[in-house]
PDB file of N, CA and C in Angstrom:
ATOM      1  N   LEU A   1      99.053 106.085 139.986  1.00  0.00           N
ATOM      2  CA  LEU A   1      97.771 106.673 140.350  1.00  0.00           C
ATOM      3  C   LEU A   1      96.683 106.294 139.341  1.00  0.00           C
ATOM      4  N   LEU A   2      97.036 106.313 138.072  1.00  0.00           N
ATOM      5  CA  LEU A   2      96.053 105.974 137.045  1.00  0.00           C
ATOM      6  C   LEU A   2      95.571 104.528 137.187  1.00  0.00           C
ATOM      7  N   GLU A   3      96.473 103.633 137.565  1.00  0.00           N
ATOM      8  CA  GLU A   3      96.086 102.233 137.751  1.00  0.00           C
ATOM      9  C   GLU A   3      95.063 102.095 138.871  1.00  0.00           C
ATOM     10  N   TYR A   4      95.240 102.860 139.953  1.00  0.00           N
ATOM     11  CA  TYR A   4      94.291 102.822 141.065  1.00  0.00           C
ATOM     12  C   TYR A   4      92.929 103.373 140.644  1.00  0.00           C
ATOM     13  N   LEU A   5      92.946 104.421 139.831  1.00  0.00           N
ATOM     14  CA  LEU A   5      91.683 104.976 139.336  1.00  0.00           C
ATOM     15  C   LEU A   5      90.938 103.962 138.469  1.00  0.00           C
ATOM     16  N   ILE A   6      91.665 103.245 137.647  1.00  0.00           N
ATOM     17  CA  ILE A   6      91.033 102.233 136.797  1.00  0.00           C
ATOM     18  C   ILE A   6      90.398 101.141 137.645  1.00  0.00           C
ATOM     19  N   VAL A   7      91.093 100.725 138.701  1.00  0.00           N
ATOM     20  CA  VAL A   7      90.532  99.715 139.604  1.00  0.00           C
ATOM     21  C   VAL A   7      89.265 100.247 140.267  1.00  0.00           C
ATOM     22  N   LEU A   8      89.294 101.512 140.704  1.00  0.00           N
ATOM     23  CA  LEU A   8      88.092 102.110 141.297  1.00  0.00           C
ATOM     24  C   LEU A   8      86.935 102.129 140.305  1.00  0.00           C
ATOM     25  N   LEU A   9      87.209 102.489 139.065  1.00  0.00           N
ATOM     26  CA  LEU A   9      86.154 102.518 138.055  1.00  0.00           C
ATOM     27  C   LEU A   9      85.605 101.123 137.778  1.00  0.00           C
ATOM     28  N   LEU A  10      86.471 100.137 137.782  1.00  0.00           N
ATOM     29  CA  LEU A  10      86.034  98.761 137.526  1.00  0.00           C
ATOM     30  C   LEU A  10      85.096  98.246 138.604  1.00  0.00           C
ATOM     31  N   PHE A  11      85.416  98.543 139.860  1.00  0.00           N
ATOM     32  CA  PHE A  11      84.683  97.919 140.956  1.00  0.00           C
ATOM     33  C   PHE A  11      83.607  98.790 141.586  1.00  0.00           C
ATOM     34  N   THR A  12      83.509 100.060 141.210  1.00  0.00           N
ATOM     35  CA  THR A  12      82.510 100.915 141.856  1.00  0.00           C
ATOM     36  C   THR A  12      81.534 101.535 140.871  1.00  0.00           C
ATOM     37  N   GLY A  13      81.644 101.255 139.608  1.00  0.00           N
ATOM     38  CA  GLY A  13      80.786 101.874 138.605  1.00  0.00           C
ATOM     39  C   GLY A  13      79.490 101.143 138.361  1.00  0.00           C
ATOM     40  N   ARG A  14      78.951 100.473 139.353  1.00  0.00           N
ATOM     41  CA  ARG A  14      77.680  99.750 139.239  1.00  0.00           C
ATOM     42  C   ARG A  14      77.736  98.694 138.141  1.00  0.00           C
ATOM     43  N   GLY A  15      78.728  97.869 138.217  1.00  0.00           N
ATOM     44  CA  GLY A  15      78.895  96.819 137.227  1.00  0.00           C
ATOM     45  C   GLY A  15      80.086  97.108 136.343  1.00  0.00           C
ATOM     46  N   PRO A  16      80.994  96.160 136.210  1.00  0.00           N
ATOM     47  CA  PRO A  16      82.194  96.417 135.407  1.00  0.00           C
ATOM     48  C   PRO A  16      81.866  96.530 133.923  1.00  0.00           C
ATOM     49  N   PRO A  17      82.586  97.407 133.217  1.00  0.00           N
ATOM     50  CA  PRO A  17      82.386  97.512 131.770  1.00  0.00           C
ATOM     51  C   PRO A  17      82.933  96.284 131.060  1.00  0.00           C
ATOM     52  N   ARG A  18      82.503  96.076 129.850  1.00  0.00           N
ATOM     53  CA  ARG A  18      82.948  94.928 129.063  1.00  0.00           C
ATOM     54  C   ARG A  18      84.269  95.229 128.375  1.00  0.00           C
ATOM     55  N   GLY A  19      85.122  94.249 128.316  1.00  0.00           N
ATOM     56  CA  GLY A  19      86.373  94.353 127.564  1.00  0.00           C
ATOM     57  C   GLY A  19      87.187  95.580 127.905  1.00  0.00           C
ATOM     58  N   PRO A  20      87.816  96.163 126.907  1.00  0.00           N
ATOM     59  CA  PRO A  20      88.706  97.309 127.154  1.00  0.00           C
ATOM     60  C   PRO A  20      87.986  98.660 127.115  1.00  0.00           C
ATOM     61  N   ASP A  21      86.705  98.700 127.503  1.00  0.00           N
ATOM     62  CA  ASP A  21      85.935  99.949 127.417  1.00  0.00           C
ATOM     63  C   ASP A  21      86.571 101.092 128.191  1.00  0.00           C
ATOM     64  N   LEU A  22      87.199 100.807 129.319  1.00  0.00           N
ATOM     65  CA  LEU A  22      87.818 101.877 130.110  1.00  0.00           C
ATOM     66  C   LEU A  22      88.969 102.541 129.370  1.00  0.00           C
ATOM     67  N   LEU A  23      89.601 101.804 128.474  1.00  0.00           N
ATOM     68  CA  LEU A  23      90.722 102.378 127.732  1.00  0.00           C
ATOM     69  C   LEU A  23      90.268 103.432 126.732  1.00  0.00           C
ATOM     70  N   TYR A  24      88.990 103.425 126.382  1.00  0.00           N
ATOM     71  CA  TYR A  24      88.480 104.357 125.383  1.00  0.00           C
ATOM     72  C   TYR A  24      87.723 105.532 125.985  1.00  0.00           C
ATOM     73  N   LEU A  25      87.793 105.714 127.299  1.00  0.00           N
ATOM     74  CA  LEU A  25      87.125 106.857 127.918  1.00  0.00           C
ATOM     75  C   LEU A  25      87.832 108.143 127.524  1.00  0.00           C
ATOM     76  N   ARG A  26      87.055 109.155 127.179  1.00  0.00           N
ATOM     77  CA  ARG A  26      87.598 110.460 126.794  1.00  0.00           C
ATOM     78  C   ARG A  26      86.989 111.521 127.691  1.00  0.00           C
ATOM     79  N   TYR A  27      87.820 112.418 128.185  1.00  0.00           N
ATOM     80  CA  TYR A  27      87.310 113.507 129.022  1.00  0.00           C
ATOM     81  C   TYR A  27      87.243 114.818 128.252  1.00  0.00           C
ATOM     82  N   TYR A  28      87.555 114.792 126.968  1.00  0.00           N
ATOM     83  CA  TYR A  28      87.421 115.966 126.102  1.00  0.00           C
ATOM     84  C   TYR A  28      87.054 115.493 124.698  1.00  0.00           C
ATOM     85  N   ASN A  29      86.429 116.359 123.932  1.00  0.00           N
ATOM     86  CA  ASN A  29      86.046 116.028 122.559  1.00  0.00           C
ATOM     87  C   ASN A  29      87.275 116.068 121.660  1.00  0.00           C
ATOM     88  N   THR A  30      87.404 115.064 120.798  1.00  0.00           N
ATOM     89  CA  THR A  30      88.531 115.011 119.872  1.00  0.00           C
ATOM     90  C   THR A  30      88.005 114.802 118.460  1.00  0.00           C
ATOM     91  N   GLY A  31      87.749 115.880 117.765  1.00  0.00           N
ATOM     92  CA  GLY A  31      87.258 115.758 116.391  1.00  0.00           C
ATOM     93  C   GLY A  31      85.970 114.973 116.329  1.00  0.00           C
ATOM     94  N   PRO A  32      85.980 113.826 115.636  1.00  0.00           N
ATOM     95  CA  PRO A  32      84.745 113.057 115.503  1.00  0.00           C
ATOM     96  C   PRO A  32      84.383 112.247 116.754  1.00  0.00           C
ATOM     97  N   VAL A  33      85.300 112.147 117.703  1.00  0.00           N
ATOM     98  CA  VAL A  33      85.057 111.350 118.908  1.00  0.00           C
ATOM     99  C   VAL A  33      84.619 112.271 120.044  1.00  0.00           C
ATOM    100  N   GLU A  34      83.425 112.005 120.582  1.00  0.00           N
ATOM    101  CA  GLU A  34      82.919 112.814 121.682  1.00  0.00           C
ATOM    102  C   GLU A  34      83.407 112.268 123.016  1.00  0.00           C
ATOM    103  N   ARG A  35      83.459 113.150 124.003  1.00  0.00           N
ATOM    104  CA  ARG A  35      83.889 112.719 125.337  1.00  0.00           C
ATOM    105  C   ARG A  35      82.877 111.736 125.909  1.00  0.00           C
ATOM    106  N   SER A  36      83.312 110.961 126.901  1.00  0.00           N
ATOM    107  CA  SER A  36      82.433 109.963 127.501  1.00  0.00           C
ATOM    108  C   SER A  36      82.352 110.099 129.015  1.00  0.00           C
ATOM    109  N   ILE A  37      82.906 111.164 129.572  1.00  0.00           N
ATOM    110  CA  ILE A  37      82.819 111.426 131.007  1.00  0.00           C
ATOM    111  C   ILE A  37      82.040 112.727 131.181  1.00  0.00           C
ATOM    112  N   PHE A  38      81.004 112.675 132.023  1.00  0.00           N
ATOM    113  CA  PHE A  38      80.112 113.820 132.197  1.00  0.00           C
ATOM    114  C   PHE A  38      79.799 114.021 133.672  1.00  0.00           C
ATOM    115  N   ILE A  39      79.311 115.214 133.980  1.00  0.00           N
ATOM    116  CA  ILE A  39      78.733 115.483 135.293  1.00  0.00           C
ATOM    117  C   ILE A  39      77.237 115.647 135.068  1.00  0.00           C
ATOM    118  N   HIS A  40      76.453 114.818 135.750  1.00  0.00           N
ATOM    119  CA  HIS A  40      74.995 114.856 135.614  1.00  0.00           C
ATOM    120  C   HIS A  40      74.373 114.988 136.996  1.00  0.00           C
ATOM    121  N   GLU A  41      73.724 116.121 137.232  1.00  0.00           N
ATOM    122  CA  GLU A  41      73.073 116.403 138.513  1.00  0.00           C
ATOM    123  C   GLU A  41      74.024 116.176 139.686  1.00  0.00           C
ATOM    124  N   GLY A  42      75.255 116.622 139.542  1.00  0.00           N
ATOM    125  CA  GLY A  42      76.235 116.543 140.614  1.00  0.00           C
ATOM    126  C   GLY A  42      76.992 115.229 140.713  1.00  0.00           C
ATOM    127  N   SER A  43      76.663 114.265 139.887  1.00  0.00           N
ATOM    128  CA  SER A  43      77.350 112.969 139.910  1.00  0.00           C
ATOM    129  C   SER A  43      78.214 112.827 138.668  1.00  0.00           C
ATOM    130  N   LEU A  44      79.361 112.211 138.847  1.00  0.00           N
ATOM    131  CA  LEU A  44      80.215 111.920 137.701  1.00  0.00           C
ATOM    132  C   LEU A  44      79.732 110.610 137.085  1.00  0.00           C
ATOM    133  N   VAL A  45      79.575 110.614 135.786  1.00  0.00           N
ATOM    134  CA  VAL A  45      79.074 109.442 135.074  1.00  0.00           C
ATOM    135  C   VAL A  45      79.928 109.235 133.833  1.00  0.00           C
ATOM    136  N   TYR A  46      80.180 107.985 133.486  1.00  0.00           N
ATOM    137  CA  TYR A  46      80.866 107.722 132.223  1.00  0.00           C
ATOM    138  C   TYR A  46      80.018 106.782 131.382  1.00  0.00           C
ATOM    139  N   LEU A  47      80.103 106.990 130.085  1.00  0.00           N
ATOM    140  CA  LEU A  47      79.314 106.218 129.132  1.00  0.00           C
ATOM    141  C   LEU A  47      80.210 105.266 128.362  1.00  0.00           C
ATOM    142  N   THR A  48      79.722 104.064 128.172  1.00  0.00           N
ATOM    143  CA  THR A  48      80.410 103.105 127.312  1.00  0.00           C
ATOM    144  C   THR A  48      79.402 102.599 126.285  1.00  0.00           C
ATOM    145  N   ARG A  49      79.892 102.225 125.143  1.00  0.00           N
ATOM    146  CA  ARG A  49      79.025 101.689 124.094  1.00  0.00           C
ATOM    147  C   ARG A  49      78.835 100.193 124.298  1.00  0.00           C
ATOM    148  N   SER A  50      77.652  99.730 123.979  1.00  0.00           N
ATOM    149  CA  SER A  50      77.368  98.305 124.034  1.00  0.00           C
ATOM    150  C   SER A  50      77.405  97.758 122.613  1.00  0.00           C
ATOM    151  N   TYR A  51      78.496  97.122 122.270  1.00  0.00           N
ATOM    152  CA  TYR A  51      78.649  96.590 120.915  1.00  0.00           C
ATOM    153  C   TYR A  51      77.787  95.354 120.691  1.00  0.00           C
ATOM    154  N   LYS A  52      77.543  94.604 121.749  1.00  0.00           N
ATOM    155  CA  LYS A  52      76.699  93.421 121.625  1.00  0.00           C
ATOM    156  C   LYS A  52      75.273  93.830 121.241  1.00  0.00           C
ATOM    157  N   ALA A  53      74.753  94.873 121.903  1.00  0.00           N
ATOM    158  CA  ALA A  53      73.401  95.350 121.580  1.00  0.00           C
ATOM    159  C   ALA A  53      73.351  95.916 120.165  1.00  0.00           C
ATOM    160  N   LYS A  54      74.417  96.574 119.733  1.00  0.00           N
ATOM    161  CA  LYS A  54      74.427  97.145 118.379  1.00  0.00           C
ATOM    162  C   LYS A  54      74.388  96.035 117.329  1.00  0.00           C
ATOM    163  N   ARG A  55      75.105  94.953 117.589  1.00  0.00           N
ATOM    164  CA  ARG A  55      75.086  93.840 116.631  1.00  0.00           C
ATOM    165  C   ARG A  55      73.693  93.228 116.525  1.00  0.00           C
ATOM    166  N   LEU A  56      72.981  93.186 117.652  1.00  0.00           N
ATOM    167  CA  LEU A  56      71.655  92.570 117.649  1.00  0.00           C
ATOM    168  C   LEU A  56      70.573  93.485 117.081  1.00  0.00           C
ATOM    169  N   THR A  57      70.659  94.794 117.370  1.00  0.00           N
ATOM    170  CA  THR A  57      69.583  95.716 116.989  1.00  0.00           C
ATOM    171  C   THR A  57      69.971  96.674 115.874  1.00  0.00           C
ATOM    172  N   ASN A  58      71.251  96.743 115.543  1.00  0.00           N
ATOM    173  CA  ASN A  58      71.780  97.676 114.549  1.00  0.00           C
ATOM    174  C   ASN A  58      71.557  99.135 114.959  1.00  0.00           C
ATOM    175  N   ARG A  59      71.524  99.395 116.269  1.00  0.00           N
ATOM    176  CA  ARG A  59      71.395 100.745 116.814  1.00  0.00           C
ATOM    177  C   ARG A  59      72.454 100.949 117.881  1.00  0.00           C
ATOM    178  N   GLU A  60      72.912 102.207 118.004  1.00  0.00           N
ATOM    179  CA  GLU A  60      73.862 102.537 119.065  1.00  0.00           C
ATOM    180  C   GLU A  60      73.169 102.392 120.414  1.00  0.00           C
ATOM    181  N   PHE A  61      73.884 101.854 121.374  1.00  0.00           N
ATOM    182  CA  PHE A  61      73.343 101.694 122.717  1.00  0.00           C
ATOM    183  C   PHE A  61      74.444 102.055 123.697  1.00  0.00           C
ATOM    184  N   TYR A  62      74.156 102.949 124.606  1.00  0.00           N
ATOM    185  CA  TYR A  62      75.144 103.383 125.588  1.00  0.00           C
ATOM    186  C   TYR A  62      74.740 102.912 126.973  1.00  0.00           C
ATOM    187  N   VAL A  63      75.742 102.589 127.774  1.00  0.00           N
ATOM    188  CA  VAL A  63      75.529 102.216 129.160  1.00  0.00           C
ATOM    189  C   VAL A  63      76.120 103.323 130.021  1.00  0.00           C
ATOM    190  N   ALA A  64      75.291 103.919 130.875  1.00  0.00           N
ATOM    191  CA  ALA A  64      75.743 104.978 131.780  1.00  0.00           C
ATOM    192  C   ALA A  64      76.098 104.353 133.120  1.00  0.00           C
ATOM    193  N   ARG A  65      77.285 104.659 133.598  1.00  0.00           N
ATOM    194  CA  ARG A  65      77.728 104.154 134.897  1.00  0.00           C
ATOM    195  C   ARG A  65      77.991 105.345 135.810  1.00  0.00           C
ATOM    196  N   PHE A  66      77.157 105.474 136.836  1.00  0.00           N
ATOM    197  CA  PHE A  66      77.286 106.558 137.800  1.00  0.00           C
ATOM    198  C   PHE A  66      78.253 106.127 138.889  1.00  0.00           C
ATOM    199  N   LEU A  67      79.191 106.993 139.197  1.00  0.00           N
ATOM    200  CA  LEU A  67      80.195 106.679 140.204  1.00  0.00           C
ATOM    201  C   LEU A  67      79.734 107.137 141.582  1.00  0.00           C
ATOM    202  N   PRO A  68      80.145 106.419 142.632  1.00  0.00           N
ATOM    203  CA  PRO A  68      79.863 106.895 143.988  1.00  0.00           C
ATOM    204  C   PRO A  68      80.499 108.275 144.184  1.00  0.00           C
ATOM    205  N   PRO A  69      79.924 109.107 145.052  1.00  0.00           N
ATOM    206  CA  PRO A  69      80.435 110.476 145.217  1.00  0.00           C
ATOM    207  C   PRO A  69      81.933 110.573 145.485  1.00  0.00           C
ATOM    208  N   VAL A  70      82.464 109.726 146.342  1.00  0.00           N
ATOM    209  CA  VAL A  70      83.892 109.804 146.675  1.00  0.00           C
ATOM    210  C   VAL A  70      84.751 109.479 145.457  1.00  0.00           C
ATOM    211  N   VAL A  71      84.382 108.448 144.725  1.00  0.00           N
ATOM    212  CA  VAL A  71      85.143 108.062 143.530  1.00  0.00           C
ATOM    213  C   VAL A  71      85.024 109.146 142.462  1.00  0.00           C
ATOM    214  N   GLY A  72      83.836 109.720 142.316  1.00  0.00           N
ATOM    215  CA  GLY A  72      83.651 110.809 141.368  1.00  0.00           C
ATOM    216  C   GLY A  72      84.519 112.011 141.702  1.00  0.00           C
ATOM    217  N   GLU A  73      84.621 112.335 142.993  1.00  0.00           N
ATOM    218  CA  GLU A  73      85.470 113.455 143.411  1.00  0.00           C
ATOM    219  C   GLU A  73      86.938 113.180 143.119  1.00  0.00           C
ATOM    220  N   ILE A  74      87.375 111.952 143.381  1.00  0.00           N
ATOM    221  CA  ILE A  74      88.774 111.595 143.117  1.00  0.00           C
ATOM    222  C   ILE A  74      89.072 111.707 141.624  1.00  0.00           C
ATOM    223  N   LEU A  75      88.194 111.170 140.790  1.00  0.00           N
ATOM    224  CA  LEU A  75      88.400 111.247 139.341  1.00  0.00           C
ATOM    225  C   LEU A  75      88.344 112.695 138.860  1.00  0.00           C
ATOM    226  N   TYR A  76      87.415 113.476 139.400  1.00  0.00           N
ATOM    227  CA  TYR A  76      87.310 114.888 139.027  1.00  0.00           C
ATOM    228  C   TYR A  76      88.598 115.637 139.371  1.00  0.00           C
ATOM    229  N   LEU A  77      89.117 115.417 140.572  1.00  0.00           N
ATOM    230  CA  LEU A  77      90.372 116.069 140.966  1.00  0.00           C
ATOM    231  C   LEU A  77      91.525 115.626 140.078  1.00  0.00           C
ATOM    232  N   TYR A  78      91.558 114.349 139.744  1.00  0.00           N
ATOM    233  CA  TYR A  78      92.613 113.847 138.868  1.00  0.00           C
ATOM    234  C   TYR A  78      92.549 114.528 137.502  1.00  0.00           C
ATOM    235  N   LEU A  79      91.353 114.625 136.941  1.00  0.00           N
ATOM    236  CA  LEU A  79      91.213 115.204 135.604  1.00  0.00           C
ATOM    237  C   LEU A  79      91.450 116.708 135.580  1.00  0.00           C
ATOM    238  N   THR A  80      91.095 117.411 136.647  1.00  0.00           N
ATOM    239  CA  THR A  80      91.223 118.869 136.641  1.00  0.00           C
ATOM    240  C   THR A  80      92.549 119.363 137.189  1.00  0.00           C
ATOM    241  N   ALA A  81      93.111 118.674 138.165  1.00  0.00           N
ATOM    242  CA  ALA A  81      94.332 119.173 138.808  1.00  0.00           C
ATOM    243  C   ALA A  81      95.596 118.455 138.347  1.00  0.00           C
ATOM    244  N   ILE A  82      95.508 117.172 138.129  1.00  0.00           N
ATOM    245  CA  ILE A  82      96.712 116.394 137.811  1.00  0.00           C
ATOM    246  C   ILE A  82      96.878 116.224 136.311  1.00  0.00           C
ATOM    247  N   ARG A  83      95.843 115.877 135.629  1.00  0.00           N
ATOM    248  CA  ARG A  83      95.904 115.609 134.196  1.00  0.00           C
ATOM    249  C   ARG A  83      96.022 116.907 133.493  1.00  0.00           C
TER     250      ARG A  83
END
C-alpha cells in the first residue's frame, strides 16, 4: 500500500519532487525536525526543501505540493487509520 501511495504522490503532486524527497516526509514533529505534511484550506499539502535554491541563495526554500482531493483523502485515511 505504501508503494502505491508513493507513486500517487510522485505523479499527482503537481510536479515530481527531486531525488529522495518523498523519503523524508514527516507527518509528525520529531524533536528538531518539523513535519512536512499539512492540511491547508481543506487540501492536503506536503513541503519539500529545495537544496539547489539554498546553494544558490544561501536561504531555505520550500516547495509546496498540493494533492488532488482524492489523493489527499487516501493519504489522510492512511495516516489516520492505518499508520
